[in-house]
PDB file of N, CA and C in Angstrom:
ATOM      1  N   UNK A   1      65.431 144.461 111.840  1.00  0.00           N
ATOM      2  CA  UNK A   1      65.190 145.765 111.270  1.00  0.00           C
ATOM      3  C   UNK A   1      66.310 146.703 111.689  1.00  0.00           C
ATOM      4  N   UNK A   2      66.673 147.647 110.854  1.00  0.00           N
ATOM      5  CA  UNK A   2      67.729 148.596 111.186  1.00  0.00           C
ATOM      6  C   UNK A   2      67.295 149.512 112.341  1.00  0.00           C
ATOM      7  N   UNK A   3      68.286 150.069 113.001  1.00  0.00           N
ATOM      8  CA  UNK A   3      68.029 150.967 114.119  1.00  0.00           C
ATOM      9  C   UNK A   3      68.304 152.402 113.677  1.00  0.00           C
ATOM     10  N   UNK A   4      67.312 153.282 113.811  1.00  0.00           N
ATOM     11  CA  UNK A   4      67.449 154.680 113.395  1.00  0.00           C
ATOM     12  C   UNK A   4      68.262 155.504 114.382  1.00  0.00           C
ATOM     13  N   UNK A   5      68.068 155.248 115.658  1.00  0.00           N
ATOM     14  CA  UNK A   5      68.747 156.018 116.696  1.00  0.00           C
ATOM     15  C   UNK A   5      69.298 155.070 117.755  1.00  0.00           C
ATOM     16  N   UNK A   6      70.162 155.593 118.603  1.00  0.00           N
ATOM     17  CA  UNK A   6      70.708 154.777 119.692  1.00  0.00           C
ATOM     18  C   UNK A   6      69.611 154.348 120.652  1.00  0.00           C
ATOM     19  N   UNK A   7      68.613 155.176 120.839  1.00  0.00           N
ATOM     20  CA  UNK A   7      67.526 154.812 121.754  1.00  0.00           C
ATOM     21  C   UNK A   7      66.675 153.670 121.207  1.00  0.00           C
ATOM     22  N   UNK A   8      66.818 153.357 119.926  1.00  0.00           N
ATOM     23  CA  UNK A   8      66.101 152.225 119.328  1.00  0.00           C
ATOM     24  C   UNK A   8      66.803 150.897 119.585  1.00  0.00           C
ATOM     25  N   UNK A   9      68.075 150.950 119.992  1.00  0.00           N
ATOM     26  CA  UNK A   9      68.830 149.711 120.239  1.00  0.00           C
ATOM     27  C   UNK A   9      68.183 148.912 121.369  1.00  0.00           C
ATOM     28  N   UNK A  10      68.382 147.601 121.369  1.00  0.00           N
ATOM     29  CA  UNK A  10      67.858 146.792 122.470  1.00  0.00           C
ATOM     30  C   UNK A  10      68.416 147.288 123.811  1.00  0.00           C
ATOM     31  N   UNK A  11      67.615 147.193 124.839  1.00  0.00           N
ATOM     32  CA  UNK A  11      67.987 147.657 126.171  1.00  0.00           C
ATOM     33  C   UNK A  11      69.305 147.044 126.631  1.00  0.00           C
ATOM     34  N   UNK A  12      69.510 145.756 126.361  1.00  0.00           N
ATOM     35  CA  UNK A  12      70.746 145.091 126.793  1.00  0.00           C
ATOM     36  C   UNK A  12      71.984 145.727 126.158  1.00  0.00           C
ATOM     37  N   UNK A  13      71.870 146.194 124.940  1.00  0.00           N
ATOM     38  CA  UNK A  13      72.988 146.848 124.262  1.00  0.00           C
ATOM     39  C   UNK A  13      73.207 148.236 124.863  1.00  0.00           C
ATOM     40  N   UNK A  14      72.133 148.993 125.059  1.00  0.00           N
ATOM     41  CA  UNK A  14      72.251 150.349 125.618  1.00  0.00           C
ATOM     42  C   UNK A  14      72.810 150.331 127.029  1.00  0.00           C
ATOM     43  N   UNK A  15      72.412 149.342 127.816  1.00  0.00           N
ATOM     44  CA  UNK A  15      72.893 149.268 129.193  1.00  0.00           C
ATOM     45  C   UNK A  15      74.338 148.774 129.270  1.00  0.00           C
ATOM     46  N   UNK A  16      74.755 147.969 128.326  1.00  0.00           N
ATOM     47  CA  UNK A  16      76.089 147.362 128.376  1.00  0.00           C
ATOM     48  C   UNK A  16      77.175 148.267 127.820  1.00  0.00           C
ATOM     49  N   UNK A  17      76.870 148.984 126.755  1.00  0.00           N
ATOM     50  CA  UNK A  17      77.912 149.709 126.023  1.00  0.00           C
ATOM     51  C   UNK A  17      77.881 151.210 126.285  1.00  0.00           C
ATOM     52  N   UNK A  18      79.075 151.826 126.322  1.00  0.00           N
ATOM     53  CA  UNK A  18      79.113 153.288 126.352  1.00  0.00           C
ATOM     54  C   UNK A  18      78.591 153.831 125.019  1.00  0.00           C
ATOM     55  N   UNK A  19      78.353 155.114 124.963  1.00  0.00           N
ATOM     56  CA  UNK A  19      77.737 155.711 123.775  1.00  0.00           C
ATOM     57  C   UNK A  19      78.509 155.409 122.493  1.00  0.00           C
ATOM     58  N   UNK A  20      79.834 155.531 122.525  1.00  0.00           N
ATOM     59  CA  UNK A  20      80.612 155.256 121.310  1.00  0.00           C
ATOM     60  C   UNK A  20      80.457 153.784 120.886  1.00  0.00           C
ATOM     61  N   UNK A  21      80.405 152.887 121.841  1.00  0.00           N
ATOM     62  CA  UNK A  21      80.174 151.480 121.536  1.00  0.00           C
ATOM     63  C   UNK A  21      78.804 151.264 120.906  1.00  0.00           C
ATOM     64  N   UNK A  22      77.826 151.983 121.391  1.00  0.00           N
ATOM     65  CA  UNK A  22      76.479 151.893 120.818  1.00  0.00           C
ATOM     66  C   UNK A  22      76.467 152.396 119.372  1.00  0.00           C
ATOM     67  N   UNK A  23      77.214 153.462 119.128  1.00  0.00           N
ATOM     68  CA  UNK A  23      77.294 153.989 117.754  1.00  0.00           C
ATOM     69  C   UNK A  23      77.929 152.969 116.815  1.00  0.00           C
ATOM     70  N   UNK A  24      78.982 152.322 117.282  1.00  0.00           N
ATOM     71  CA  UNK A  24      79.633 151.281 116.478  1.00  0.00           C
ATOM     72  C   UNK A  24      78.664 150.136 116.229  1.00  0.00           C
ATOM     73  N   UNK A  25      77.995 149.694 117.278  1.00  0.00           N
ATOM     74  CA  UNK A  25      77.041 148.587 117.173  1.00  0.00           C
ATOM     75  C   UNK A  25      75.962 148.925 116.142  1.00  0.00           C
ATOM     76  N   UNK A  26      75.367 150.108 116.275  1.00  0.00           N
ATOM     77  CA  UNK A  26      74.263 150.498 115.382  1.00  0.00           C
ATOM     78  C   UNK A  26      74.720 150.559 113.931  1.00  0.00           C
ATOM     79  N   UNK A  27      75.864 151.174 113.682  1.00  0.00           N
ATOM     80  CA  UNK A  27      76.358 151.291 112.303  1.00  0.00           C
ATOM     81  C   UNK A  27      76.657 149.919 111.702  1.00  0.00           C
ATOM     82  N   UNK A  28      77.307 149.059 112.472  1.00  0.00           N
ATOM     83  CA  UNK A  28      77.646 147.721 111.962  1.00  0.00           C
ATOM     84  C   UNK A  28      76.395 146.879 111.759  1.00  0.00           C
ATOM     85  N   UNK A  29      75.463 146.946 112.703  1.00  0.00           N
ATOM     86  CA  UNK A  29      74.215 146.189 112.579  1.00  0.00           C
ATOM     87  C   UNK A  29      73.468 146.620 111.316  1.00  0.00           C
ATOM     88  N   UNK A  30      73.305 147.919 111.148  1.00  0.00           N
ATOM     89  CA  UNK A  30      72.554 148.421 109.992  1.00  0.00           C
ATOM     90  C   UNK A  30      73.226 148.044 108.674  1.00  0.00           C
ATOM     91  N   UNK A  31      74.543 148.096 108.646  1.00  0.00           N
ATOM     92  CA  UNK A  31      75.273 147.711 107.443  1.00  0.00           C
ATOM     93  C   UNK A  31      75.078 146.223 107.140  1.00  0.00           C
ATOM     94  N   UNK A  32      75.218 145.398 108.169  1.00  0.00           N
ATOM     95  CA  UNK A  32      75.039 143.951 107.988  1.00  0.00           C
ATOM     96  C   UNK A  32      73.605 143.623 107.591  1.00  0.00           C
ATOM     97  N   UNK A  33      72.654 144.337 108.162  1.00  0.00           N
ATOM     98  CA  UNK A  33      71.235 144.111 107.843  1.00  0.00           C
ATOM     99  C   UNK A  33      71.020 144.268 106.338  1.00  0.00           C
ATOM    100  N   UNK A  34      71.651 145.278 105.773  1.00  0.00           N
ATOM    101  CA  UNK A  34      71.522 145.506 104.339  1.00  0.00           C
ATOM    102  C   UNK A  34      72.338 144.489 103.541  1.00  0.00           C
ATOM    103  N   UNK A  35      73.549 144.214 103.978  1.00  0.00           N
ATOM    104  CA  UNK A  35      74.450 143.322 103.253  1.00  0.00           C
ATOM    105  C   UNK A  35      73.939 141.886 103.191  1.00  0.00           C
ATOM    106  N   UNK A  36      73.295 141.414 104.245  1.00  0.00           N
ATOM    107  CA  UNK A  36      72.871 140.013 104.322  1.00  0.00           C
ATOM    108  C   UNK A  36      71.362 139.842 104.157  1.00  0.00           C
ATOM    109  N   UNK A  37      70.744 140.686 103.356  1.00  0.00           N
ATOM    110  CA  UNK A  37      69.295 140.587 103.172  1.00  0.00           C
ATOM    111  C   UNK A  37      68.884 139.328 102.411  1.00  0.00           C
ATOM    112  N   UNK A  38      69.769 138.819 101.557  1.00  0.00           N
ATOM    113  CA  UNK A  38      69.447 137.607 100.811  1.00  0.00           C
ATOM    114  C   UNK A  38      69.917 136.374 101.577  1.00  0.00           C
ATOM    115  N   UNK A  39      69.037 135.406 101.780  1.00  0.00           N
ATOM    116  CA  UNK A  39      69.410 134.206 102.549  1.00  0.00           C
ATOM    117  C   UNK A  39      70.645 133.492 102.007  1.00  0.00           C
ATOM    118  N   UNK A  40      70.874 133.536 100.718  1.00  0.00           N
ATOM    119  CA  UNK A  40      72.034 132.843 100.147  1.00  0.00           C
ATOM    120  C   UNK A  40      73.348 133.523 100.536  1.00  0.00           C
ATOM    121  N   UNK A  41      73.281 134.751 101.041  1.00  0.00           N
ATOM    122  CA  UNK A  41      74.478 135.455 101.496  1.00  0.00           C
ATOM    123  C   UNK A  41      74.862 135.102 102.935  1.00  0.00           C
ATOM    124  N   UNK A  42      73.989 134.350 103.621  1.00  0.00           N
ATOM    125  CA  UNK A  42      74.232 133.970 105.016  1.00  0.00           C
ATOM    126  C   UNK A  42      74.628 132.509 105.088  1.00  0.00           C
ATOM    127  N   UNK A  43      75.405 132.171 106.115  1.00  0.00           N
ATOM    128  CA  UNK A  43      75.805 130.783 106.312  1.00  0.00           C
ATOM    129  C   UNK A  43      74.749 130.029 107.095  1.00  0.00           C
ATOM    130  N   UNK A  44      74.569 128.771 106.763  1.00  0.00           N
ATOM    131  CA  UNK A  44      73.664 127.906 107.519  1.00  0.00           C
ATOM    132  C   UNK A  44      72.258 128.447 107.593  1.00  0.00           C
ATOM    133  N   UNK A  45      71.649 128.264 108.744  1.00  0.00           N
ATOM    134  CA  UNK A  45      70.254 128.667 108.916  1.00  0.00           C
ATOM    135  C   UNK A  45      70.130 129.956 109.724  1.00  0.00           C
ATOM    136  N   UNK A  46      71.234 130.690 109.865  1.00  0.00           N
ATOM    137  CA  UNK A  46      71.183 131.933 110.621  1.00  0.00           C
ATOM    138  C   UNK A  46      70.220 132.916 109.974  1.00  0.00           C
ATOM    139  N   UNK A  47      69.454 133.598 110.815  1.00  0.00           N
ATOM    140  CA  UNK A  47      68.532 134.609 110.308  1.00  0.00           C
ATOM    141  C   UNK A  47      69.294 135.897 110.028  1.00  0.00           C
ATOM    142  N   UNK A  48      68.662 136.765 109.321  1.00  0.00           N
ATOM    143  CA  UNK A  48      69.251 138.072 109.020  1.00  0.00           C
ATOM    144  C   UNK A  48      69.585 138.816 110.320  1.00  0.00           C
ATOM    145  N   UNK A  49      68.702 138.719 111.284  1.00  0.00           N
ATOM    146  CA  UNK A  49      68.915 139.383 112.572  1.00  0.00           C
ATOM    147  C   UNK A  49      70.092 138.770 113.333  1.00  0.00           C
ATOM    148  N   UNK A  50      70.196 137.445 113.320  1.00  0.00           N
ATOM    149  CA  UNK A  50      71.308 136.773 114.011  1.00  0.00           C
ATOM    150  C   UNK A  50      72.650 137.172 113.411  1.00  0.00           C
ATOM    151  N   UNK A  51      72.715 137.199 112.099  1.00  0.00           N
ATOM    152  CA  UNK A  51      73.955 137.586 111.424  1.00  0.00           C
ATOM    153  C   UNK A  51      74.290 139.045 111.728  1.00  0.00           C
ATOM    154  N   UNK A  52      73.299 139.905 111.696  1.00  0.00           N
ATOM    155  CA  UNK A  52      73.525 141.328 111.954  1.00  0.00           C
ATOM    156  C   UNK A  52      74.010 141.565 113.380  1.00  0.00           C
ATOM    157  N   UNK A  53      73.437 140.846 114.348  1.00  0.00           N
ATOM    158  CA  UNK A  53      73.892 140.966 115.731  1.00  0.00           C
ATOM    159  C   UNK A  53      75.332 140.483 115.868  1.00  0.00           C
ATOM    160  N   UNK A  54      75.670 139.379 115.228  1.00  0.00           N
ATOM    161  CA  UNK A  54      77.029 138.849 115.310  1.00  0.00           C
ATOM    162  C   UNK A  54      78.033 139.834 114.715  1.00  0.00           C
ATOM    163  N   UNK A  55      77.697 140.420 113.584  1.00  0.00           N
ATOM    164  CA  UNK A  55      78.574 141.396 112.946  1.00  0.00           C
ATOM    165  C   UNK A  55      78.738 142.625 113.846  1.00  0.00           C
ATOM    166  N   UNK A  56      77.640 143.086 114.436  1.00  0.00           N
ATOM    167  CA  UNK A  56      77.677 144.276 115.279  1.00  0.00           C
ATOM    168  C   UNK A  56      78.551 144.062 116.510  1.00  0.00           C
ATOM    169  N   UNK A  57      78.390 142.914 117.186  1.00  0.00           N
ATOM    170  CA  UNK A  57      79.215 142.640 118.365  1.00  0.00           C
ATOM    171  C   UNK A  57      80.686 142.477 117.979  1.00  0.00           C
ATOM    172  N   UNK A  58      80.940 141.893 116.834  1.00  0.00           N
ATOM    173  CA  UNK A  58      82.318 141.752 116.368  1.00  0.00           C
ATOM    174  C   UNK A  58      82.950 143.126 116.143  1.00  0.00           C
ATOM    175  N   UNK A  59      82.195 144.037 115.572  1.00  0.00           N
ATOM    176  CA  UNK A  59      82.701 145.395 115.336  1.00  0.00           C
ATOM    177  C   UNK A  59      82.996 146.098 116.658  1.00  0.00           C
ATOM    178  N   UNK A  60      82.124 145.919 117.629  1.00  0.00           N
ATOM    179  CA  UNK A  60      82.342 146.511 118.951  1.00  0.00           C
ATOM    180  C   UNK A  60      83.626 145.965 119.558  1.00  0.00           C
ATOM    181  N   UNK A  61      83.841 144.666 119.423  1.00  0.00           N
ATOM    182  CA  UNK A  61      85.013 144.016 120.024  1.00  0.00           C
ATOM    183  C   UNK A  61      86.317 144.426 119.349  1.00  0.00           C
ATOM    184  N   UNK A  62      86.252 145.044 118.174  1.00  0.00           N
ATOM    185  CA  UNK A  62      87.455 145.570 117.522  1.00  0.00           C
ATOM    186  C   UNK A  62      87.949 146.847 118.211  1.00  0.00           C
ATOM    187  N   UNK A  63      87.069 147.511 118.952  1.00  0.00           N
ATOM    188  CA  UNK A  63      87.411 148.784 119.577  1.00  0.00           C
ATOM    189  C   UNK A  63      87.353 148.703 121.105  1.00  0.00           C
ATOM    190  N   UNK A  64      86.454 147.862 121.614  1.00  0.00           N
ATOM    191  CA  UNK A  64      86.234 147.749 123.055  1.00  0.00           C
ATOM    192  C   UNK A  64      86.530 146.332 123.532  1.00  0.00           C
ATOM    193  N   UNK A  65      86.822 146.232 124.820  1.00  0.00           N
ATOM    194  CA  UNK A  65      86.946 144.923 125.443  1.00  0.00           C
ATOM    195  C   UNK A  65      86.253 144.977 126.794  1.00  0.00           C
ATOM    196  N   UNK A  66      85.817 143.824 127.244  1.00  0.00           N
ATOM    197  CA  UNK A  66      85.115 143.749 128.508  1.00  0.00           C
ATOM    198  C   UNK A  66      86.115 143.470 129.622  1.00  0.00           C
ATOM    199  N   UNK A  67      86.184 144.391 130.588  1.00  0.00           N
ATOM    200  CA  UNK A  67      87.068 144.245 131.738  1.00  0.00           C
ATOM    201  C   UNK A  67      86.258 144.469 133.002  1.00  0.00           C
ATOM    202  N   UNK A  68      86.300 143.494 133.883  1.00  0.00           N
ATOM    203  CA  UNK A  68      85.563 143.591 135.144  1.00  0.00           C
ATOM    204  C   UNK A  68      84.099 143.915 134.912  1.00  0.00           C
ATOM    205  N   UNK A  69      83.526 143.326 133.870  1.00  0.00           N
ATOM    206  CA  UNK A  69      82.103 143.507 133.574  1.00  0.00           C
ATOM    207  C   UNK A  69      81.745 144.783 132.849  1.00  0.00           C
ATOM    208  N   UNK A  70      82.737 145.598 132.519  1.00  0.00           N
ATOM    209  CA  UNK A  70      82.499 146.872 131.821  1.00  0.00           C
ATOM    210  C   UNK A  70      83.151 146.844 130.449  1.00  0.00           C
ATOM    211  N   UNK A  71      82.504 147.443 129.456  1.00  0.00           N
ATOM    212  CA  UNK A  71      83.103 147.574 128.131  1.00  0.00           C
ATOM    213  C   UNK A  71      83.936 148.847 128.118  1.00  0.00           C
ATOM    214  N   UNK A  72      85.235 148.689 127.861  1.00  0.00           N
ATOM    215  CA  UNK A  72      86.160 149.815 127.821  1.00  0.00           C
ATOM    216  C   UNK A  72      86.956 149.762 126.518  1.00  0.00           C
ATOM    217  N   UNK A  73      87.454 150.934 126.089  1.00  0.00           N
ATOM    218  CA  UNK A  73      88.254 150.971 124.865  1.00  0.00           C
ATOM    219  C   UNK A  73      89.505 150.123 125.045  1.00  0.00           C
ATOM    220  N   UNK A  74      89.845 149.398 124.009  1.00  0.00           N
ATOM    221  CA  UNK A  74      91.035 148.531 124.035  1.00  0.00           C
ATOM    222  C   UNK A  74      92.306 149.337 123.981  1.00  0.00           C
TER     223      UNK A  74
END
């Protein structure tokens, strides 16, 4: 399901990412959730949620990188 606010994000995402990273994650997740609603648009047996999470983390990694256990801007 899409996330309306940053506080709706899973705890692991909120604890791991700075606020800007959370905003990127939420926007990408919500976009992917809508884009991949039809099973034929997804590869293999991945669920809509799995695909949306993968897209969201990929978007975060375009702007942030993990250094010494912290997500920082690249």
